Amino acid sequence: MRTKSELSDAIRRHRRAALVVNARSRRGRRHYDTVRTRLQAAGFTLLGAYPADRPGELDQALADAVALDPDLLVVGGGDGTIGAAARLLAHRDTALGLLPLGTTNNFARTVGVPLDLDAALGVLTDGTVVDVDLGLIGDTRFTNHVGIGLSADIMRGAPPRLKRVAGRLAYPLTALGLLARHRPLRVTVRAEGREHVLDTHQVYVANGGFHAGRPITADADADDRLLVAYPVGGPTRGGLLRATARNAATGHRRSLAEEPFLAVRQLWLETDRPARIEVDGEPYGQTPVRIGLDPNALRVMAPAGTPDR
């Protein structure tokens, strides 16, 4: 493994890259040709370029791109696409270059990559390699969050036909239907010798600093060796809705030291009945579960001057 400065220098000097874009999304289809042309104009030698536009093609495209052993793997897509790339690149001598083409782009926000495509492309040429943490649930690494409770039920319950017709609106529409009959969970979190008991419809465990495109707190990020566990509201449905709105409006000025946040390196979580889990928006399994960290697991191309612990 090269040092971060050696890898940064290799990217700047040799410009050996591979490109994967999730072209199943509208933004991915629209921008793929432009991105490929712009990278080549910036002097990058593309060892491979993959517009993944068919079901099941993305994972193979990412694997093929990684097998080319580029210094930089440029990936365009949303958080699901970025998370799949991050799992493949963990502890490899290849940096991840982010092109945020999703809806919320939580991981790009966390590492400071601009959401504007031109600015994000500029980071690939003028940025620097930093290390960031990945979360770890079982043997699965994740970039952003684990959701237990209502969010996981929504992921599994959204009808495929509704998702095709309504897109991302399928999830809030499904949530409205599920919430009327959703029972709260009694959640027990054990961490650092302490036990925390919560009655809630929803618990998140975050690795990064953003959720749903909004800050979780002002001082959470993906390079702090911490997970952030927090419930969203209490046992009532009204409390869940109010807490969701409050988190979106005030996250940028809240601190990890405040209630209800629990910042730890690892935790054990169980519920009074088996509860579904989603990891970065994908179904995972059920509680109980242990969640931890893989520190400095991923190398990312970030804007120059980005803090790197």
Protein backbone atom coordinates (compact mmCIF):
# COMPACT_ATOMS: atom_id res chain seq x y z
CA MET A 1 0.00 0.00 0.00
CA ARG A 2 1.30 3.41 -0.95
CA THR A 3 1.01 6.28 1.47
CA LYS A 4 -1.83 8.73 0.85
CA SER A 5 0.61 11.34 -0.45
CA GLU A 6 2.18 8.80 -2.82
CA LEU A 7 -1.23 7.79 -4.15
CA SER A 8 -2.26 11.44 -4.55
CA ASP A 9 0.95 12.09 -6.48
CA ALA A 10 0.39 9.03 -8.70
CA ILE A 11 -3.13 10.20 -9.56
CA ARG A 12 -1.91 13.69 -10.44
CA ARG A 13 1.05 12.47 -12.52
CA HIS A 14 -0.17 9.30 -14.25
CA ARG A 15 -3.96 9.85 -14.33
CA ARG A 16 -4.75 6.10 -14.47
CA ALA A 17 -8.45 5.75 -13.79
CA ALA A 18 -11.53 3.65 -14.39
CA LEU A 19 -15.07 4.97 -14.63
CA VAL A 20 -18.36 3.41 -13.55
CA VAL A 21 -21.64 5.31 -13.77
CA ASN A 22 -25.01 4.02 -12.67
CA ALA A 23 -26.77 4.77 -15.94
CA ARG A 24 -30.07 3.30 -14.78
CA SER A 25 -30.79 6.66 -13.15
CA ARG A 26 -31.83 9.63 -15.28
CA ARG A 27 -28.86 11.75 -14.15
CA GLY A 28 -26.44 8.90 -14.77
CA ARG A 29 -27.70 8.36 -18.34
CA ARG A 30 -27.66 12.08 -19.03
CA HIS A 31 -24.14 12.73 -17.74
CA TYR A 32 -22.19 9.58 -18.64
CA ASP A 33 -20.85 10.78 -22.01
CA THR A 34 -20.03 14.20 -20.61
CA VAL A 35 -18.15 12.75 -17.64
CA ARG A 36 -16.13 10.37 -19.82
CA THR A 37 -15.22 13.17 -22.24
CA ARG A 38 -14.30 15.58 -19.43
CA LEU A 39 -12.06 13.05 -17.72
CA GLN A 40 -10.20 12.31 -20.94
CA ALA A 41 -9.86 16.03 -21.64
CA ALA A 42 -8.31 16.43 -18.17
CA GLY A 43 -5.60 13.93 -19.14
CA PHE A 44 -6.98 10.79 -17.51
CA THR A 45 -6.28 7.47 -19.20
CA LEU A 46 -9.48 5.47 -18.74
CA LEU A 47 -8.49 1.83 -18.35
CA GLY A 48 -12.19 0.99 -18.54
CA ALA A 49 -15.48 2.89 -18.72
CA TYR A 50 -18.76 1.26 -17.74
CA PRO A 51 -22.27 2.74 -18.05
CA ALA A 52 -24.20 0.20 -15.95
CA ASP A 53 -27.71 0.46 -17.35
CA ARG A 54 -29.27 -2.99 -16.81
CA PRO A 55 -30.50 -4.69 -13.61
CA GLY A 56 -27.68 -6.50 -11.82
CA GLU A 57 -24.99 -4.96 -14.03
CA LEU A 58 -23.60 -2.46 -11.53
CA ASP A 59 -21.85 -4.93 -9.21
CA GLN A 60 -20.16 -6.66 -12.14
CA ALA A 61 -19.10 -3.33 -13.65
CA LEU A 62 -17.55 -2.26 -10.35
CA ALA A 63 -15.74 -5.60 -9.98
CA ASP A 64 -14.41 -5.38 -13.53
CA ALA A 65 -13.22 -1.81 -12.96
CA VAL A 66 -11.45 -2.70 -9.70
CA ALA A 67 -9.75 -5.67 -11.40
CA LEU A 68 -8.04 -3.19 -13.75
CA ASP A 69 -6.09 -1.90 -10.72
CA PRO A 70 -6.54 1.84 -11.39
CA ASP A 71 -5.09 4.47 -9.08
CA LEU A 72 -8.52 6.16 -9.09
CA LEU A 73 -11.95 4.58 -9.47
CA VAL A 74 -14.42 7.28 -10.49
CA VAL A 75 -17.98 6.31 -9.58
CA GLY A 76 -21.10 8.25 -10.52
CA GLY A 77 -24.38 7.56 -8.78
CA GLY A 78 -26.30 7.86 -5.55
CA ASP A 79 -25.51 6.56 -2.09
CA GLY A 80 -26.33 2.96 -2.98
CA THR A 81 -23.88 3.00 -5.89
CA ILE A 82 -21.19 4.73 -3.83
CA GLY A 83 -21.69 2.24 -0.98
CA ALA A 84 -21.25 -0.73 -3.33
CA ALA A 85 -18.00 0.78 -4.62
CA ALA A 86 -16.77 1.50 -1.09
CA ARG A 87 -17.22 -2.13 -0.04
CA LEU A 88 -15.07 -3.28 -2.97
CA LEU A 89 -12.36 -0.68 -2.37
CA ALA A 90 -11.96 -1.17 1.39
CA HIS A 91 -8.26 -1.54 2.26
CA ARG A 92 -7.21 -1.39 -1.41
CA ASP A 93 -4.52 0.81 -2.91
CA THR A 94 -7.10 2.62 -5.06
CA ALA A 95 -8.85 5.89 -4.26
CA LEU A 96 -12.58 6.42 -4.78
CA GLY A 97 -13.53 9.45 -6.84
CA LEU A 98 -17.10 10.60 -6.22
CA LEU A 99 -19.52 12.01 -8.76
CA PRO A 100 -22.69 12.67 -6.72
CA LEU A 101 -25.53 11.87 -9.12
CA GLY A 102 -28.11 10.70 -6.57
CA THR A 103 -30.94 12.38 -4.70
CA THR A 104 -29.51 12.87 -1.20
CA ASN A 105 -25.77 12.21 -1.81
CA ASN A 106 -25.12 11.76 1.90
CA PHE A 107 -21.61 10.32 1.60
CA ALA A 108 -20.44 13.02 -0.81
CA ARG A 109 -21.72 15.66 1.61
CA THR A 110 -19.95 13.95 4.51
CA VAL A 111 -16.54 13.97 2.80
CA GLY A 112 -17.02 17.48 1.41
CA VAL A 113 -17.28 16.65 -2.31
CA PRO A 114 -19.32 19.39 -4.06
CA LEU A 115 -22.70 18.38 -5.44
CA ASP A 116 -22.15 20.47 -8.57
CA LEU A 117 -20.83 18.11 -11.26
CA ASP A 118 -18.21 20.52 -12.62
CA ALA A 119 -16.86 21.15 -9.13
CA ALA A 120 -16.85 17.42 -8.32
CA LEU A 121 -14.85 16.73 -11.48
CA GLY A 122 -12.42 19.44 -10.37
CA VAL A 123 -11.80 17.53 -7.12
CA LEU A 124 -10.61 14.55 -9.17
CA THR A 125 -7.88 16.63 -10.76
CA ASP A 126 -6.98 19.00 -7.92
CA GLY A 127 -7.95 17.12 -4.77
CA THR A 128 -6.05 14.95 -2.32
CA VAL A 129 -6.45 11.40 -1.01
CA VAL A 130 -7.83 11.06 2.53
CA ASP A 131 -8.80 8.06 4.65
CA VAL A 132 -12.33 7.68 6.04
CA ASP A 133 -14.01 5.13 8.29
CA LEU A 134 -16.57 2.61 7.17
CA GLY A 135 -19.23 1.12 9.39
CA LEU A 136 -19.32 -2.64 9.88
CA ILE A 137 -22.44 -4.76 10.48
CA GLY A 138 -21.66 -8.45 10.47
CA ASP A 139 -19.28 -8.84 7.54
CA THR A 140 -20.88 -5.98 5.60
CA ARG A 141 -19.27 -2.55 5.40
CA PHE A 142 -21.40 0.56 5.00
CA THR A 143 -20.80 4.23 4.29
CA ASN A 144 -23.77 6.05 5.83
CA HIS A 145 -26.20 4.36 8.18
CA VAL A 146 -28.05 1.37 9.58
CA GLY A 147 -31.80 1.80 10.09
CA ILE A 148 -33.83 -0.38 12.45
CA GLY A 149 -37.62 -0.27 12.59
CA LEU A 150 -39.94 1.72 10.35
CA SER A 151 -37.35 2.64 7.69
CA ALA A 152 -36.51 -1.04 7.10
CA ASP A 153 -40.20 -1.95 6.94
CA ILE A 154 -40.67 0.77 4.34
CA MET A 155 -37.79 -0.55 2.23
CA ARG A 156 -39.32 -4.01 2.18
CA GLY A 157 -42.94 -2.86 1.93
CA ALA A 158 -42.77 -0.38 -0.96
CA PRO A 159 -44.58 -2.10 -3.88
CA PRO A 160 -42.37 -2.52 -6.98
CA ARG A 161 -45.09 -1.08 -9.22
CA LEU A 162 -45.38 2.02 -7.02
CA LYS A 163 -41.59 2.47 -7.12
CA ARG A 164 -41.64 2.32 -10.92
CA VAL A 165 -44.43 4.88 -11.17
CA ALA A 166 -43.58 7.25 -8.29
CA GLY A 167 -39.81 6.83 -7.90
CA ARG A 168 -38.54 7.95 -4.51
CA LEU A 169 -42.01 9.24 -3.62
CA ALA A 170 -42.95 5.56 -3.22
CA TYR A 171 -41.19 5.51 0.15
CA PRO A 172 -43.02 8.36 1.94
CA LEU A 173 -46.28 7.08 0.44
CA THR A 174 -45.54 3.62 1.83
CA ALA A 175 -44.56 5.17 5.18
CA LEU A 176 -47.94 6.84 5.54
CA GLY A 177 -49.66 3.52 5.07
CA LEU A 178 -47.36 1.61 7.43
CA LEU A 179 -47.25 4.20 10.19
CA ALA A 180 -50.95 3.84 10.98
CA ARG A 181 -50.38 0.27 12.14
CA HIS A 182 -46.68 0.30 13.09
CA ARG A 183 -45.95 -0.75 16.68
CA PRO A 184 -43.10 0.90 18.59
CA LEU A 185 -40.06 -1.16 19.55
CA ARG A 186 -38.33 -1.46 22.88
CA VAL A 187 -34.69 -1.12 21.86
CA THR A 188 -31.76 -2.01 24.11
CA VAL A 189 -28.35 -0.63 23.14
CA ARG A 190 -25.26 -1.88 25.00
CA ALA A 191 -22.04 0.04 24.50
CA GLU A 192 -18.94 0.86 26.57
CA GLY A 193 -20.27 -0.92 29.63
CA ARG A 194 -23.61 0.91 29.69
CA GLU A 195 -27.13 -0.07 28.71
CA HIS A 196 -29.61 2.31 27.08
CA VAL A 197 -33.30 1.38 26.71
CA LEU A 198 -35.45 3.24 24.17
CA ASP A 199 -39.11 3.03 23.18
CA THR A 200 -39.35 4.21 19.59
CA HIS A 201 -40.51 3.41 16.07
CA GLN A 202 -37.10 4.08 14.53
CA VAL A 203 -33.40 3.90 15.44
CA TYR A 204 -30.46 4.90 13.25
CA VAL A 205 -26.78 4.12 13.65
CA ALA A 206 -24.80 6.51 11.46
CA ASN A 207 -21.21 6.44 10.30
CA GLY A 208 -21.29 9.68 8.29
CA GLY A 209 -22.49 13.15 9.04
CA PHE A 210 -25.63 13.30 6.87
CA HIS A 211 -28.96 11.52 6.58
CA ALA A 212 -31.65 12.24 3.97
CA GLY A 213 -29.46 15.04 2.65
CA ARG A 214 -29.43 16.92 5.98
CA PRO A 215 -26.77 17.14 8.73
CA ILE A 216 -27.23 14.73 11.64
CA THR A 217 -25.24 17.04 13.90
CA ALA A 218 -22.69 19.78 13.34
CA ASP A 219 -19.82 17.57 14.58
CA ALA A 220 -20.43 14.13 13.06
CA ASP A 221 -18.33 12.92 10.14
CA ALA A 222 -16.90 9.76 8.57
CA ASP A 223 -13.37 10.22 9.91
CA ASP A 224 -13.93 10.53 13.67
CA ARG A 225 -13.76 6.83 14.74
CA LEU A 226 -17.33 7.09 16.03
CA LEU A 227 -20.75 5.69 15.27
CA VAL A 228 -23.77 7.79 16.19
CA ALA A 229 -26.82 5.90 17.47
CA TYR A 230 -30.06 7.81 17.96
CA PRO A 231 -33.81 7.19 18.08
CA VAL A 232 -36.24 9.29 16.07
CA GLY A 233 -38.95 10.26 18.52
CA GLY A 234 -40.54 8.14 21.23
CA PRO A 235 -43.29 5.53 21.18
CA THR A 236 -46.01 7.72 19.64
CA ARG A 237 -46.53 8.21 15.92
CA GLY A 238 -46.87 11.96 16.41
CA GLY A 239 -43.53 12.01 18.22
CA LEU A 240 -41.89 10.27 15.28
CA LEU A 241 -43.22 12.85 12.83
CA ARG A 242 -42.24 15.79 15.04
CA ALA A 243 -38.74 14.40 15.64
CA THR A 244 -38.23 13.79 11.93
CA ALA A 245 -39.10 17.42 11.17
CA ARG A 246 -36.96 18.72 14.06
CA ASN A 247 -33.93 16.67 12.99
CA ALA A 248 -34.16 17.99 9.44
CA ALA A 249 -34.47 21.60 10.60
CA THR A 250 -31.92 21.70 13.44
CA GLY A 251 -29.28 19.04 12.70
CA HIS A 252 -26.75 21.63 11.50
CA ARG A 253 -26.63 23.23 14.97
CA ARG A 254 -26.87 20.20 17.24
CA SER A 255 -23.94 18.40 18.90
CA LEU A 256 -23.05 14.78 19.56
CA ALA A 257 -22.92 15.68 23.25
CA GLU A 258 -26.68 16.36 23.27
CA GLU A 259 -29.56 13.99 23.82
CA PRO A 260 -30.52 11.64 22.25
CA PHE A 261 -27.21 10.95 20.50
CA LEU A 262 -24.92 8.13 21.62
CA ALA A 263 -21.43 8.35 20.07
CA VAL A 264 -19.43 5.13 20.47
CA ARG A 265 -16.99 2.90 18.60
CA GLN A 266 -19.20 -0.19 18.62
CA LEU A 267 -22.50 -1.36 20.06
CA TRP A 268 -24.82 -4.31 20.49
CA LEU A 269 -28.47 -3.64 19.66
CA GLU A 270 -31.48 -5.84 20.40
CA THR A 271 -35.22 -5.34 20.32
CA ASP A 272 -38.20 -6.79 22.17
CA ARG A 273 -39.17 -8.62 18.97
CA PRO A 274 -37.14 -9.27 15.81
CA ALA A 275 -36.98 -6.00 13.88
CA ARG A 276 -35.98 -5.53 10.27
CA ILE A 277 -32.74 -3.77 9.36
CA GLU A 278 -31.76 -1.72 6.32
CA VAL A 279 -28.17 -0.76 5.52
CA ASP A 280 -27.71 2.33 3.36
CA GLY A 281 -31.24 1.85 2.06
CA GLU A 282 -30.92 -1.87 1.27
CA PRO A 283 -32.57 -4.72 3.24
CA TYR A 284 -30.11 -6.52 5.51
CA GLY A 285 -31.67 -8.85 8.10
CA GLN A 286 -33.11 -8.66 11.61
CA THR A 287 -32.07 -7.76 15.14
CA PRO A 288 -30.19 -8.54 17.34
CA VAL A 289 -27.04 -7.18 15.76
CA ARG A 290 -23.55 -5.92 16.53
CA ILE A 291 -22.42 -2.77 14.72
CA GLY A 292 -18.85 -1.53 14.72
CA LEU A 293 -16.27 0.44 12.75
CA ASP A 294 -13.58 -0.32 10.21
CA PRO A 295 -11.32 2.71 10.85
CA ASN A 296 -9.55 4.38 7.91
CA ALA A 297 -10.85 1.63 5.64
CA LEU A 298 -11.46 3.67 2.49
CA ARG A 299 -9.33 6.08 0.48
CA VAL A 300 -11.32 8.90 -1.08
CA MET A 301 -10.37 11.78 -3.38
CA ALA A 302 -11.49 14.85 -1.41
CA PRO A 303 -11.08 18.61 -1.88
CA ALA A 304 -7.62 19.97 -1.12
CA GLY A 305 -7.32 20.95 2.54
CA THR A 306 -9.88 18.40 3.78
CA PRO A 307 -9.01 17.44 7.41
CA ASP A 308 -7.60 13.91 7.62
CA ARG A 309 -7.19 12.39 11.07
